[in-house]
Amino acid sequence: MVRTGNCVDGAERGYNPHHPKDPSYFPLTAHLAQTGQILDVINRPGRVNDSEGAVDRLRFLIDEVRDRLGSVPIEVRLDGAFCQGAVLELLTASGVEFAMKMPMWKWLDVRDRIRDRKSWTKVHASVDGFSLSLRLKPWKRTERVVVFRKKISGKPAKDFQLQLFQPDDGYLSTRWW
């Protein structure tokens, strides 16, 4: 979320929890994680969620990369807003490798599987994980899901959010995807 002034064209009040009345843009960026090179940026009004127009935007970016670079492998990392059947279908049909944060929807029944898990595999000094095949019934597909946990010191702050990938340092550190 990028806050703007009141006179900026296209900016609207939106999802910024710390400044809900301020006009803002909600930028959607596509970049090459290994180098930080920006491939595309779309400044959307602050009231627009990542998932709005996601399939069309991803299709455009995939086609653009393939037109420019041929059949190079494409890998994408997406947050939970992109977790939708149509996005999964597009990525699979396009042969794009992906890592996507999956929301903790009750119908996925993952919380119980995490709570009941007895055996975790050491991934890093403070990170454990396991994988499972998860049936996504509404979308009639099964996906491999990897669950990570990291030991943290103390109780996390209310808005504390762990990061799974940090391209600048290569360390793993969280959640489930």
Protein backbone atom coordinates (compact mmCIF):
# COMPACT_ATOMS: atom_id res chain seq x y z
CA MET A 1 0.00 0.00 0.00
CA VAL A 2 1.46 3.34 -1.08
CA ARG A 3 -0.10 6.46 0.47
CA THR A 4 -0.60 9.43 -1.82
CA GLY A 5 -1.85 12.99 -1.61
CA ASN A 6 -5.48 13.96 -2.10
CA CYS A 7 -4.96 15.17 -5.68
CA VAL A 8 -3.33 12.06 -7.18
CA ASP A 9 -5.37 10.63 -10.06
CA GLY A 10 -6.66 7.09 -9.45
CA ALA A 11 -5.75 6.88 -5.77
CA GLU A 12 -8.59 5.90 -3.45
CA ARG A 13 -9.19 5.22 0.22
CA GLY A 14 -8.81 1.53 0.85
CA TYR A 15 -7.25 -1.31 2.79
CA ASN A 16 -4.46 0.52 4.61
CA PRO A 17 -5.23 -0.39 8.26
CA HIS A 18 -2.87 2.23 9.68
CA HIS A 19 -4.18 5.11 7.53
CA PRO A 20 -7.69 4.08 6.41
CA LYS A 21 -8.75 7.57 5.32
CA ASP A 22 -5.68 8.33 3.21
CA PRO A 23 -5.91 7.90 -0.56
CA SER A 24 -3.47 5.27 -1.77
CA TYR A 25 -2.38 2.93 -4.51
CA PHE A 26 -2.14 -0.82 -4.10
CA PRO A 27 0.79 -1.67 -6.41
CA LEU A 28 1.03 -5.09 -7.98
CA THR A 29 4.64 -5.80 -8.90
CA ALA A 30 6.32 -8.48 -10.95
CA HIS A 31 10.07 -8.73 -10.55
CA LEU A 32 12.95 -11.11 -10.99
CA ALA A 33 13.67 -12.11 -7.40
CA GLN A 34 17.26 -13.16 -8.04
CA THR A 35 18.29 -9.72 -9.29
CA GLY A 36 15.48 -7.44 -8.11
CA GLN A 37 14.83 -6.36 -11.71
CA ILE A 38 11.29 -4.94 -12.06
CA LEU A 39 9.33 -6.55 -14.88
CA ASP A 40 6.03 -4.76 -14.39
CA VAL A 41 4.16 -2.52 -11.93
CA ILE A 42 0.49 -1.71 -11.91
CA ASN A 43 -0.73 1.00 -9.55
CA ARG A 44 -4.27 0.05 -8.67
CA PRO A 45 -6.61 2.13 -6.50
CA GLY A 46 -6.17 1.48 -2.77
CA ARG A 47 -9.48 -0.32 -2.50
CA VAL A 48 -8.43 -3.06 -4.95
CA ASN A 49 -7.34 -6.46 -3.64
CA ASP A 50 -4.45 -8.45 -5.20
CA SER A 51 -6.84 -11.06 -6.51
CA GLU A 52 -8.78 -8.62 -8.70
CA GLY A 53 -7.85 -9.34 -12.32
CA ALA A 54 -5.17 -11.81 -11.19
CA VAL A 55 -5.71 -14.41 -13.90
CA ASP A 56 -5.62 -11.89 -16.76
CA ARG A 57 -2.56 -10.14 -15.30
CA LEU A 58 -0.66 -13.38 -14.79
CA ARG A 59 -1.58 -14.60 -18.28
CA PHE A 60 -0.27 -11.32 -19.74
CA LEU A 61 3.01 -11.56 -17.79
CA ILE A 62 3.57 -15.22 -18.70
CA ASP A 63 2.91 -14.51 -22.38
CA GLU A 64 5.18 -11.45 -22.26
CA VAL A 65 8.09 -13.41 -20.75
CA ARG A 66 7.61 -16.27 -23.23
CA ASP A 67 7.45 -13.84 -26.19
CA ARG A 68 10.67 -12.14 -25.10
CA LEU A 69 12.66 -15.07 -23.74
CA GLY A 70 11.24 -18.19 -25.35
CA SER A 71 10.77 -21.33 -23.32
CA VAL A 72 12.80 -20.34 -20.26
CA PRO A 73 11.57 -21.78 -16.97
CA ILE A 74 9.21 -19.41 -15.18
CA GLU A 75 8.83 -19.49 -11.41
CA VAL A 76 6.41 -17.33 -9.46
CA ARG A 77 5.76 -16.67 -5.79
CA LEU A 78 2.30 -15.47 -4.83
CA ASP A 79 0.60 -14.43 -1.64
CA GLY A 80 -2.67 -15.86 -0.37
CA ALA A 81 -4.84 -13.43 -2.35
CA PHE A 82 -3.93 -15.39 -5.49
CA CYS A 83 -5.08 -18.70 -4.02
CA GLN A 84 -7.96 -19.33 -6.40
CA GLY A 85 -8.83 -22.23 -8.64
CA ALA A 86 -8.48 -20.21 -11.86
CA VAL A 87 -4.96 -19.06 -10.92
CA LEU A 88 -3.88 -22.63 -10.10
CA GLU A 89 -5.30 -23.84 -13.42
CA LEU A 90 -3.49 -21.12 -15.37
CA LEU A 91 -0.13 -21.80 -13.69
CA THR A 92 -0.44 -25.56 -14.20
CA ALA A 93 -1.55 -25.26 -17.84
CA SER A 94 1.27 -22.78 -18.55
CA GLY A 95 3.92 -25.02 -17.01
CA VAL A 96 4.85 -22.31 -14.52
CA GLU A 97 6.44 -23.46 -11.26
CA PHE A 98 4.95 -21.72 -8.25
CA ALA A 99 5.01 -21.24 -4.51
CA MET A 100 1.83 -19.75 -3.11
CA LYS A 101 0.86 -18.95 0.43
CA MET A 102 -2.38 -20.73 1.19
CA PRO A 103 -4.90 -19.11 3.51
CA MET A 104 -5.93 -21.07 6.60
CA TRP A 105 -9.44 -21.66 5.33
CA LYS A 106 -11.44 -23.93 7.61
CA TRP A 107 -12.53 -26.18 4.73
CA LEU A 108 -8.89 -27.07 4.03
CA ASP A 109 -8.64 -28.84 7.43
CA VAL A 110 -4.93 -27.98 7.61
CA ARG A 111 -4.96 -26.57 11.14
CA ASP A 112 -5.92 -29.97 12.54
CA ARG A 113 -3.24 -31.68 10.48
CA ILE A 114 -0.64 -29.23 11.77
CA ARG A 115 -1.80 -29.59 15.37
CA ASP A 116 -1.83 -33.41 15.15
CA ARG A 117 1.51 -33.70 13.34
CA LYS A 118 3.99 -35.74 15.39
CA SER A 119 6.99 -35.87 13.04
CA TRP A 120 8.56 -32.75 11.54
CA THR A 121 11.70 -32.65 9.36
CA LYS A 122 14.52 -30.25 10.29
CA VAL A 123 14.94 -27.74 7.42
CA HIS A 124 17.28 -25.27 9.09
CA ALA A 125 18.58 -24.71 12.62
CA SER A 126 15.28 -23.16 13.75
CA VAL A 127 12.90 -24.30 10.97
CA ASP A 128 10.98 -27.58 10.73
CA GLY A 129 8.55 -28.68 8.05
CA PHE A 130 6.53 -31.44 6.42
CA SER A 131 4.64 -31.87 3.17
CA LEU A 132 1.27 -33.36 2.35
CA SER A 133 -1.07 -33.85 -0.57
CA LEU A 134 -4.08 -31.65 -0.04
CA ARG A 135 -7.35 -32.15 -1.89
CA LEU A 136 -8.94 -28.82 -2.86
CA LYS A 137 -12.47 -30.11 -3.32
CA PRO A 138 -14.13 -26.91 -4.63
CA TRP A 139 -11.51 -26.74 -7.41
CA LYS A 140 -11.35 -30.52 -8.02
CA ARG A 141 -7.58 -30.69 -7.71
CA THR A 142 -4.88 -31.94 -5.38
CA GLU A 143 -1.83 -29.84 -4.56
CA ARG A 144 1.37 -30.57 -2.68
CA VAL A 145 1.48 -28.33 0.37
CA VAL A 146 4.56 -27.73 2.50
CA VAL A 147 4.09 -26.58 6.08
CA PHE A 148 6.91 -24.76 7.86
CA ARG A 149 7.26 -23.68 11.45
CA LYS A 150 9.96 -21.55 13.01
CA LYS A 151 10.77 -21.19 16.65
CA ILE A 152 10.54 -17.54 17.67
CA SER A 153 11.42 -15.97 20.98
CA GLY A 154 8.54 -14.65 23.00
CA LYS A 155 4.99 -13.93 21.98
CA PRO A 156 4.76 -12.28 18.54
CA ALA A 157 3.27 -8.81 18.13
CA LYS A 158 -0.33 -8.60 16.91
CA ASP A 159 0.63 -7.83 13.29
CA PHE A 160 3.75 -10.04 13.28
CA GLN A 161 4.18 -11.82 9.94
CA LEU A 162 6.94 -14.27 9.17
CA GLN A 163 8.54 -14.38 5.72
CA LEU A 164 9.05 -17.69 3.92
CA PHE A 165 11.53 -16.55 1.29
CA GLN A 166 13.96 -13.68 1.56
CA PRO A 167 15.63 -13.50 -1.87
CA ASP A 168 18.41 -11.24 -0.64
CA ASP A 169 19.76 -13.71 1.93
CA GLY A 170 18.41 -17.12 0.90
CA TYR A 171 17.22 -18.17 4.37
CA LEU A 172 13.92 -19.95 4.88
CA SER A 173 11.82 -18.80 7.74
CA THR A 174 8.08 -19.62 7.99
CA ARG A 175 4.54 -20.67 7.38
CA TRP A 176 2.81 -23.02 5.06
CA TRP A 177 2.53 -22.90 1.31
